């Protein structure tokens, strides 16, 4: 969901403009997804890298 088309119930302006504290809080909440503020794509890349590192370490240790 995007805040481009949402209208604030408090100030009646688009949320994307962030004119009031409620607009700014909701805009920030909507734009921060994922774990620890990381995007889901970045989390997926980190998990794939961790998998490859684990496989390399397993291969090098001879198990």
Protein backbone atom coordinates (compact mmCIF):
# COMPACT_ATOMS: atom_id res chain seq x y z
CA UNK A 1 0.00 0.00 0.00
CA UNK A 2 1.20 3.49 -0.80
CA UNK A 3 0.44 6.71 1.03
CA UNK A 4 0.33 8.72 -2.19
CA UNK A 5 -3.45 8.53 -2.44
CA UNK A 6 -4.36 8.57 1.26
CA UNK A 7 -5.93 11.63 2.84
CA UNK A 8 -5.32 12.42 6.52
CA UNK A 9 -8.40 12.46 8.73
CA UNK A 10 -6.87 15.16 10.94
CA UNK A 11 -5.70 17.80 8.46
CA UNK A 12 -7.50 16.63 5.25
CA UNK A 13 -4.32 16.82 3.16
CA UNK A 14 -2.46 14.00 1.40
CA UNK A 15 -0.50 11.85 3.85
CA UNK A 16 2.52 11.93 1.52
CA UNK A 17 2.95 15.66 2.24
CA UNK A 18 3.28 15.08 6.00
CA UNK A 19 1.71 18.36 7.07
CA UNK A 20 0.65 17.27 10.57
CA UNK A 21 2.20 14.92 13.17
CA UNK A 22 -0.32 12.19 12.34
CA UNK A 23 0.55 12.37 8.62
CA UNK A 24 4.27 12.17 9.35
CA UNK A 25 3.88 9.24 11.75
CA UNK A 26 1.74 7.24 9.33
CA UNK A 27 4.02 8.01 6.39
CA UNK A 28 7.03 6.77 8.37
CA UNK A 29 5.17 3.67 9.52
CA UNK A 30 4.12 2.81 5.97
CA UNK A 31 7.58 3.26 4.48
CA UNK A 32 9.48 1.13 7.00
CA UNK A 33 8.86 -2.52 6.25
CA UNK A 34 10.80 -5.62 7.02
CA UNK A 35 12.92 -6.68 9.97
CA UNK A 36 14.92 -3.95 11.75
CA UNK A 37 14.05 -1.42 9.06
CA UNK A 38 15.58 -3.52 6.26
CA UNK A 39 13.73 -4.12 3.04
CA UNK A 40 12.47 -7.66 2.38
CA UNK A 41 14.73 -7.92 -0.69
CA UNK A 42 17.81 -7.08 1.37
CA UNK A 43 16.80 -9.64 4.01
CA UNK A 44 16.48 -12.30 1.29
CA UNK A 45 19.93 -11.45 -0.09
CA UNK A 46 21.46 -11.64 3.40
CA UNK A 47 19.88 -15.06 3.97
CA UNK A 48 21.21 -16.36 0.65
CA UNK A 49 24.71 -15.06 1.47
CA UNK A 50 24.52 -16.72 4.90
CA UNK A 51 23.51 -20.00 3.23
CA UNK A 52 26.47 -19.87 0.83
CA UNK A 53 28.90 -19.03 3.64
CA UNK A 54 27.58 -21.98 5.62
CA UNK A 55 27.96 -24.30 2.64
CA UNK A 56 31.52 -23.10 1.98
CA UNK A 57 32.52 -23.56 5.62
CA UNK A 58 30.98 -27.02 5.66
CA UNK A 59 32.85 -27.93 2.47
CA UNK A 60 36.16 -26.60 3.79
CA UNK A 61 35.85 -28.42 7.10
CA UNK A 62 35.33 -31.73 5.26
CA UNK A 63 32.07 -32.72 6.96
